[in-house]
PDB file of N, CA and C in Angstrom:
ATOM      1  N   MET A   1      -0.675 -33.126  -1.069  1.00  0.00           N
ATOM      2  CA  MET A   1      -1.127 -31.888  -1.677  1.00  0.00           C
ATOM      3  C   MET A   1      -0.559 -30.699  -0.896  1.00  0.00           C
ATOM      4  N   LYS A   2      -0.165 -29.688  -1.621  1.00  0.00           N
ATOM      5  CA  LYS A   2       0.455 -28.513  -1.009  1.00  0.00           C
ATOM      6  C   LYS A   2      -0.614 -27.608  -0.402  1.00  0.00           C
ATOM      7  N   GLN A   3      -0.350 -27.143   0.823  1.00  0.00           N
ATOM      8  CA  GLN A   3      -1.262 -26.231   1.508  1.00  0.00           C
ATOM      9  C   GLN A   3      -1.149 -24.840   0.891  1.00  0.00           C
ATOM     10  N   PRO A   4      -2.280 -24.136   0.713  1.00  0.00           N
ATOM     11  CA  PRO A   4      -2.203 -22.766   0.178  1.00  0.00           C
ATOM     12  C   PRO A   4      -1.518 -21.847   1.184  1.00  0.00           C
ATOM     13  N   ARG A   5      -0.810 -20.886   0.662  1.00  0.00           N
ATOM     14  CA  ARG A   5      -0.127 -19.921   1.519  1.00  0.00           C
ATOM     15  C   ARG A   5      -1.148 -18.953   2.100  1.00  0.00           C
ATOM     16  N   ILE A   6      -1.028 -18.668   3.382  1.00  0.00           N
ATOM     17  CA  ILE A   6      -1.918 -17.734   4.065  1.00  0.00           C
ATOM     18  C   ILE A   6      -1.118 -16.465   4.366  1.00  0.00           C
ATOM     19  N   VAL A   7      -1.665 -15.321   3.940  1.00  0.00           N
ATOM     20  CA  VAL A   7      -1.054 -14.022   4.226  1.00  0.00           C
ATOM     21  C   VAL A   7      -2.035 -13.204   5.046  1.00  0.00           C
ATOM     22  N   THR A   8      -1.567 -12.126   5.614  1.00  0.00           N
ATOM     23  CA  THR A   8      -2.410 -11.249   6.424  1.00  0.00           C
ATOM     24  C   THR A   8      -2.813 -10.040   5.605  1.00  0.00           C
ATOM     25  N   CYS A   9      -4.095  -9.708   5.606  1.00  0.00           N
ATOM     26  CA  CYS A   9      -4.585  -8.524   4.905  1.00  0.00           C
ATOM     27  C   CYS A   9      -3.890  -7.301   5.504  1.00  0.00           C
ATOM     28  N   PRO A  10      -3.252  -6.460   4.673  1.00  0.00           N
ATOM     29  CA  PRO A  10      -2.549  -5.290   5.202  1.00  0.00           C
ATOM     30  C   PRO A  10      -3.463  -4.279   5.890  1.00  0.00           C
ATOM     31  N   THR A  11      -4.748  -4.292   5.556  1.00  0.00           N
ATOM     32  CA  THR A  11      -5.667  -3.303   6.111  1.00  0.00           C
ATOM     33  C   THR A  11      -6.299  -3.764   7.413  1.00  0.00           C
ATOM     34  N   CYS A  12      -6.926  -4.953   7.394  1.00  0.00           N
ATOM     35  CA  CYS A  12      -7.679  -5.396   8.582  1.00  0.00           C
ATOM     36  C   CYS A  12      -7.041  -6.567   9.317  1.00  0.00           C
ATOM     37  N   LYS A  13      -5.936  -7.079   8.773  1.00  0.00           N
ATOM     38  CA  LYS A  13      -5.173  -8.179   9.388  1.00  0.00           C
ATOM     39  C   LYS A  13      -5.889  -9.534   9.344  1.00  0.00           C
ATOM     40  N   ALA A  14      -6.937  -9.679   8.528  1.00  0.00           N
ATOM     41  CA  ALA A  14      -7.620 -10.971   8.381  1.00  0.00           C
ATOM     42  C   ALA A  14      -6.746 -11.913   7.557  1.00  0.00           C
ATOM     43  N   PRO A  15      -6.839 -13.228   7.813  1.00  0.00           N
ATOM     44  CA  PRO A  15      -6.069 -14.181   7.010  1.00  0.00           C
ATOM     45  C   PRO A  15      -6.648 -14.275   5.593  1.00  0.00           C
ATOM     46  N   VAL A  16      -5.751 -14.333   4.595  1.00  0.00           N
ATOM     47  CA  VAL A  16      -6.158 -14.409   3.190  1.00  0.00           C
ATOM     48  C   VAL A  16      -5.385 -15.539   2.532  1.00  0.00           C
ATOM     49  N   GLU A  17      -6.092 -16.423   1.825  1.00  0.00           N
ATOM     50  CA  GLU A  17      -5.447 -17.491   1.080  1.00  0.00           C
ATOM     51  C   GLU A  17      -4.843 -16.912  -0.189  1.00  0.00           C
ATOM     52  N   TRP A  18      -3.566 -17.156  -0.439  1.00  0.00           N
ATOM     53  CA  TRP A  18      -2.890 -16.644  -1.628  1.00  0.00           C
ATOM     54  C   TRP A  18      -3.120 -17.644  -2.761  1.00  0.00           C
ATOM     55  N   CYS A  19      -4.236 -17.458  -3.476  1.00  0.00           N
ATOM     56  CA  CYS A  19      -4.582 -18.345  -4.587  1.00  0.00           C
ATOM     57  C   CYS A  19      -5.483 -17.591  -5.565  1.00  0.00           C
ATOM     58  N   SER A  20      -5.760 -18.205  -6.695  1.00  0.00           N
ATOM     59  CA  SER A  20      -6.565 -17.541  -7.729  1.00  0.00           C
ATOM     60  C   SER A  20      -8.003 -17.294  -7.283  1.00  0.00           C
ATOM     61  N   GLN A  21      -8.482 -17.980  -6.264  1.00  0.00           N
ATOM     62  CA  GLN A  21      -9.833 -17.757  -5.745  1.00  0.00           C
ATOM     63  C   GLN A  21      -9.903 -16.501  -4.858  1.00  0.00           C
ATOM     64  N   SER A  22      -8.772 -15.872  -4.603  1.00  0.00           N
ATOM     65  CA  SER A  22      -8.726 -14.633  -3.816  1.00  0.00           C
ATOM     66  C   SER A  22      -8.263 -13.503  -4.739  1.00  0.00           C
ATOM     67  N   PRO A  23      -9.161 -12.944  -5.538  1.00  0.00           N
ATOM     68  CA  PRO A  23      -8.763 -11.969  -6.553  1.00  0.00           C
ATOM     69  C   PRO A  23      -8.244 -10.644  -5.986  1.00  0.00           C
ATOM     70  N   CYS A  24      -8.524 -10.333  -4.739  1.00  0.00           N
ATOM     71  CA  CYS A  24      -8.069  -9.070  -4.143  1.00  0.00           C
ATOM     72  C   CYS A  24      -6.768  -9.228  -3.370  1.00  0.00           C
ATOM     73  N   ARG A  25      -6.176 -10.421  -3.405  1.00  0.00           N
ATOM     74  CA  ARG A  25      -4.978 -10.661  -2.615  1.00  0.00           C
ATOM     75  C   ARG A  25      -3.928  -9.603  -2.862  1.00  0.00           C
ATOM     76  N   PRO A  26      -3.226  -9.122  -1.897  1.00  0.00           N
ATOM     77  CA  PRO A  26      -3.128  -9.623  -0.535  1.00  0.00           C
ATOM     78  C   PRO A  26      -4.235  -9.118   0.382  1.00  0.00           C
ATOM     79  N   PHE A  27      -5.199  -8.398  -0.167  1.00  0.00           N
ATOM     80  CA  PHE A  27      -6.310  -7.890   0.649  1.00  0.00           C
ATOM     81  C   PHE A  27      -7.405  -8.945   0.734  1.00  0.00           C
ATOM     82  N   CYS A  28      -8.219  -8.873   1.783  1.00  0.00           N
ATOM     83  CA  CYS A  28      -9.290  -9.853   1.964  1.00  0.00           C
ATOM     84  C   CYS A  28     -10.526  -9.486   1.152  1.00  0.00           C
ATOM     85  N   SER A  29     -10.653  -8.211   0.769  1.00  0.00           N
ATOM     86  CA  SER A  29     -11.853  -7.778   0.045  1.00  0.00           C
ATOM     87  C   SER A  29     -11.559  -6.528  -0.774  1.00  0.00           C
ATOM     88  N   GLU A  30     -12.474  -6.194  -1.652  1.00  0.00           N
ATOM     89  CA  GLU A  30     -12.372  -4.970  -2.446  1.00  0.00           C
ATOM     90  C   GLU A  30     -12.372  -3.749  -1.520  1.00  0.00           C
ATOM     91  N   ARG A  31     -13.143  -3.826  -0.444  1.00  0.00           N
ATOM     92  CA  ARG A  31     -13.223  -2.719   0.511  1.00  0.00           C
ATOM     93  C   ARG A  31     -11.855  -2.416   1.114  1.00  0.00           C
ATOM     94  N   CYS A  32     -11.156  -3.445   1.596  1.00  0.00           N
ATOM     95  CA  CYS A  32      -9.827  -3.241   2.182  1.00  0.00           C
ATOM     96  C   CYS A  32      -8.848  -2.727   1.129  1.00  0.00           C
ATOM     97  N   LYS A  33      -8.979  -3.195  -0.085  1.00  0.00           N
ATOM     98  CA  LYS A  33      -8.130  -2.737  -1.181  1.00  0.00           C
ATOM     99  C   LYS A  33      -8.326  -1.236  -1.420  1.00  0.00           C
ATOM    100  N   LEU A  34      -9.576  -0.776  -1.416  1.00  0.00           N
ATOM    101  CA  LEU A  34      -9.879   0.635  -1.647  1.00  0.00           C
ATOM    102  C   LEU A  34      -9.463   1.513  -0.465  1.00  0.00           C
ATOM    103  N   ILE A  35      -9.571   0.983   0.750  1.00  0.00           N
ATOM    104  CA  ILE A  35      -9.108   1.721   1.933  1.00  0.00           C
ATOM    105  C   ILE A  35      -7.606   1.976   1.810  1.00  0.00           C
ATOM    106  N   ASP A  36      -6.854   0.962   1.399  1.00  0.00           N
ATOM    107  CA  ASP A  36      -5.413   1.102   1.235  1.00  0.00           C
ATOM    108  C   ASP A  36      -5.086   2.093   0.117  1.00  0.00           C
ATOM    109  N   LEU A  37      -5.800   2.022  -0.995  1.00  0.00           N
ATOM    110  CA  LEU A  37      -5.595   2.957  -2.097  1.00  0.00           C
ATOM    111  C   LEU A  37      -5.850   4.394  -1.639  1.00  0.00           C
ATOM    112  N   GLY A  38      -6.900   4.598  -0.857  1.00  0.00           N
ATOM    113  CA  GLY A  38      -7.206   5.918  -0.319  1.00  0.00           C
ATOM    114  C   GLY A  38      -6.104   6.435   0.587  1.00  0.00           C
ATOM    115  N   ALA A  39      -5.497   5.549   1.363  1.00  0.00           N
ATOM    116  CA  ALA A  39      -4.399   5.953   2.249  1.00  0.00           C
ATOM    117  C   ALA A  39      -3.189   6.400   1.431  1.00  0.00           C
ATOM    118  N   TRP A  40      -2.896   5.711   0.331  1.00  0.00           N
ATOM    119  CA  TRP A  40      -1.799   6.143  -0.541  1.00  0.00           C
ATOM    120  C   TRP A  40      -2.131   7.496  -1.164  1.00  0.00           C
ATOM    121  N   ALA A  41      -3.372   7.667  -1.630  1.00  0.00           N
ATOM    122  CA  ALA A  41      -3.778   8.924  -2.262  1.00  0.00           C
ATOM    123  C   ALA A  41      -3.721  10.093  -1.280  1.00  0.00           C
ATOM    124  N   ALA A  42      -4.027   9.830  -0.021  1.00  0.00           N
ATOM    125  CA  ALA A  42      -3.986  10.866   1.023  1.00  0.00           C
ATOM    126  C   ALA A  42      -2.574  11.054   1.586  1.00  0.00           C
ATOM    127  N   GLU A  43      -1.604  10.360   0.996  1.00  0.00           N
ATOM    128  CA  GLU A  43      -0.205  10.414   1.413  1.00  0.00           C
ATOM    129  C   GLU A  43       0.012   9.967   2.853  1.00  0.00           C
ATOM    130  N   GLU A  44      -0.837   9.048   3.321  1.00  0.00           N
ATOM    131  CA  GLU A  44      -0.630   8.444   4.637  1.00  0.00           C
ATOM    132  C   GLU A  44       0.443   7.361   4.565  1.00  0.00           C
ATOM    133  N   HIS A  45       0.648   6.806   3.376  1.00  0.00           N
ATOM    134  CA  HIS A  45       1.720   5.834   3.132  1.00  0.00           C
ATOM    135  C   HIS A  45       2.732   6.512   2.213  1.00  0.00           C
ATOM    136  N   ALA A  46       3.986   6.149   2.348  1.00  0.00           N
ATOM    137  CA  ALA A  46       5.016   6.678   1.461  1.00  0.00           C
ATOM    138  C   ALA A  46       6.163   5.690   1.382  1.00  0.00           C
ATOM    139  N   ILE A  47       6.823   5.673   0.248  1.00  0.00           N
ATOM    140  CA  ILE A  47       8.021   4.868   0.079  1.00  0.00           C
ATOM    141  C   ILE A  47       9.193   5.771   0.430  1.00  0.00           C
ATOM    142  N   PRO A  48      10.039   5.351   1.368  1.00  0.00           N
ATOM    143  CA  PRO A  48      11.148   6.206   1.772  1.00  0.00           C
ATOM    144  C   PRO A  48      12.078   6.486   0.595  1.00  0.00           C
ATOM    145  N   GLY A  49      12.532   7.709   0.512  1.00  0.00           N
ATOM    146  CA  GLY A  49      13.449   8.103  -0.550  1.00  0.00           C
ATOM    147  C   GLY A  49      14.791   8.489   0.020  1.00  0.00           C
ATOM    148  N   ASP A  50      15.635   8.977  -0.829  1.00  0.00           N
ATOM    149  CA  ASP A  50      16.957   9.430  -0.439  1.00  0.00           C
ATOM    150  C   ASP A  50      16.832  10.870   0.042  1.00  0.00           C
ATOM    151  N   SER A  51      17.080  11.135   1.315  1.00  0.00           N
ATOM    152  CA  SER A  51      16.886  12.473   1.864  1.00  0.00           C
ATOM    153  C   SER A  51      17.827  13.487   1.228  1.00  0.00           C
ATOM    154  N   LEU A  52      19.030  13.084   0.844  1.00  0.00           N
ATOM    155  CA  LEU A  52      19.951  13.993   0.181  1.00  0.00           C
ATOM    156  C   LEU A  52      19.389  14.409  -1.173  1.00  0.00           C
ATOM    157  N   GLU A  53      18.866  13.453  -1.911  1.00  0.00           N
ATOM    158  CA  GLU A  53      18.266  13.745  -3.211  1.00  0.00           C
ATOM    159  C   GLU A  53      17.047  14.655  -3.044  1.00  0.00           C
ATOM    160  N   ASP A  54      16.242  14.409  -2.032  1.00  0.00           N
ATOM    161  CA  ASP A  54      15.079  15.257  -1.768  1.00  0.00           C
ATOM    162  C   ASP A  54      15.523  16.696  -1.494  1.00  0.00           C
ATOM    163  N   ASP A  55      16.583  16.863  -0.715  1.00  0.00           N
ATOM    164  CA  ASP A  55      17.090  18.198  -0.395  1.00  0.00           C
ATOM    165  C   ASP A  55      17.610  18.907  -1.647  1.00  0.00           C
ATOM    166  N   LEU A  56      18.301  18.161  -2.504  1.00  0.00           N
ATOM    167  CA  LEU A  56      18.879  18.762  -3.708  1.00  0.00           C
ATOM    168  C   LEU A  56      17.817  19.290  -4.668  1.00  0.00           C
ATOM    169  N   PHE A  57      16.729  18.544  -4.824  1.00  0.00           N
ATOM    170  CA  PHE A  57      15.728  18.899  -5.821  1.00  0.00           C
ATOM    171  C   PHE A  57      14.516  19.625  -5.262  1.00  0.00           C
ATOM    172  N   SER A  58      14.407  19.748  -3.964  1.00  0.00           N
ATOM    173  CA  SER A  58      13.216  20.364  -3.383  1.00  0.00           C
ATOM    174  C   SER A  58      13.096  21.841  -3.731  1.00  0.00           C
ATOM    175  N   GLY A  59      14.209  22.542  -3.979  1.00  0.00           N
ATOM    176  CA  GLY A  59      14.164  23.957  -4.327  1.00  0.00           C
ATOM    177  C   GLY A  59      13.645  24.205  -5.732  1.00  0.00           C
ATOM    178  N   GLU A  60      13.611  23.178  -6.573  1.00  0.00           N
ATOM    179  CA  GLU A  60      13.156  23.335  -7.938  1.00  0.00           C
ATOM    180  C   GLU A  60      11.633  23.318  -8.058  1.00  0.00           C
ATOM    181  N   LEU A  61      10.966  22.880  -7.018  1.00  0.00           N
ATOM    182  CA  LEU A  61       9.517  22.748  -7.068  1.00  0.00           C
ATOM    183  C   LEU A  61       8.850  23.884  -6.295  1.00  0.00           C
ATOM    184  N   PRO A  62       7.693  24.334  -6.760  1.00  0.00           N
ATOM    185  CA  PRO A  62       6.976  25.348  -5.986  1.00  0.00           C
ATOM    186  C   PRO A  62       6.495  24.759  -4.657  1.00  0.00           C
ATOM    187  N   PRO A  63       6.344  25.568  -3.633  1.00  0.00           N
ATOM    188  CA  PRO A  63       5.884  25.049  -2.336  1.00  0.00           C
ATOM    189  C   PRO A  63       4.488  24.453  -2.461  1.00  0.00           C
ATOM    190  N   ARG A  64       4.255  23.383  -1.708  1.00  0.00           N
ATOM    191  CA  ARG A  64       2.936  22.727  -1.720  1.00  0.00           C
ATOM    192  C   ARG A  64       1.973  23.478  -0.823  1.00  0.00           C
ATOM    193  N   GLU A  65       0.783  23.652  -1.302  1.00  0.00           N
ATOM    194  CA  GLU A  65      -0.272  24.277  -0.506  1.00  0.00           C
ATOM    195  C   GLU A  65      -1.280  23.210  -0.123  1.00  0.00           C
ATOM    196  N   HIS A  66      -1.675  23.192   1.127  1.00  0.00           N
ATOM    197  CA  HIS A  66      -2.640  22.174   1.586  1.00  0.00           C
ATOM    198  C   HIS A  66      -3.974  22.800   1.794  1.00  0.00           C
TER     199      HIS A  66
END
């Protein structure tokens, strides 16, 4: 019988079985899933882009206010 794959929860680093019994995979729980979603919403995570493209189009957008 094949052993289930074990991955690490991106939020708390707990081991998670990659199977249908782990509905929040790759997260260990709904809580860790929501923590990660909040980090994306707060722009703590980002997918790297092309810096040249960012420079070319950044003048077309109004400045961001925080």
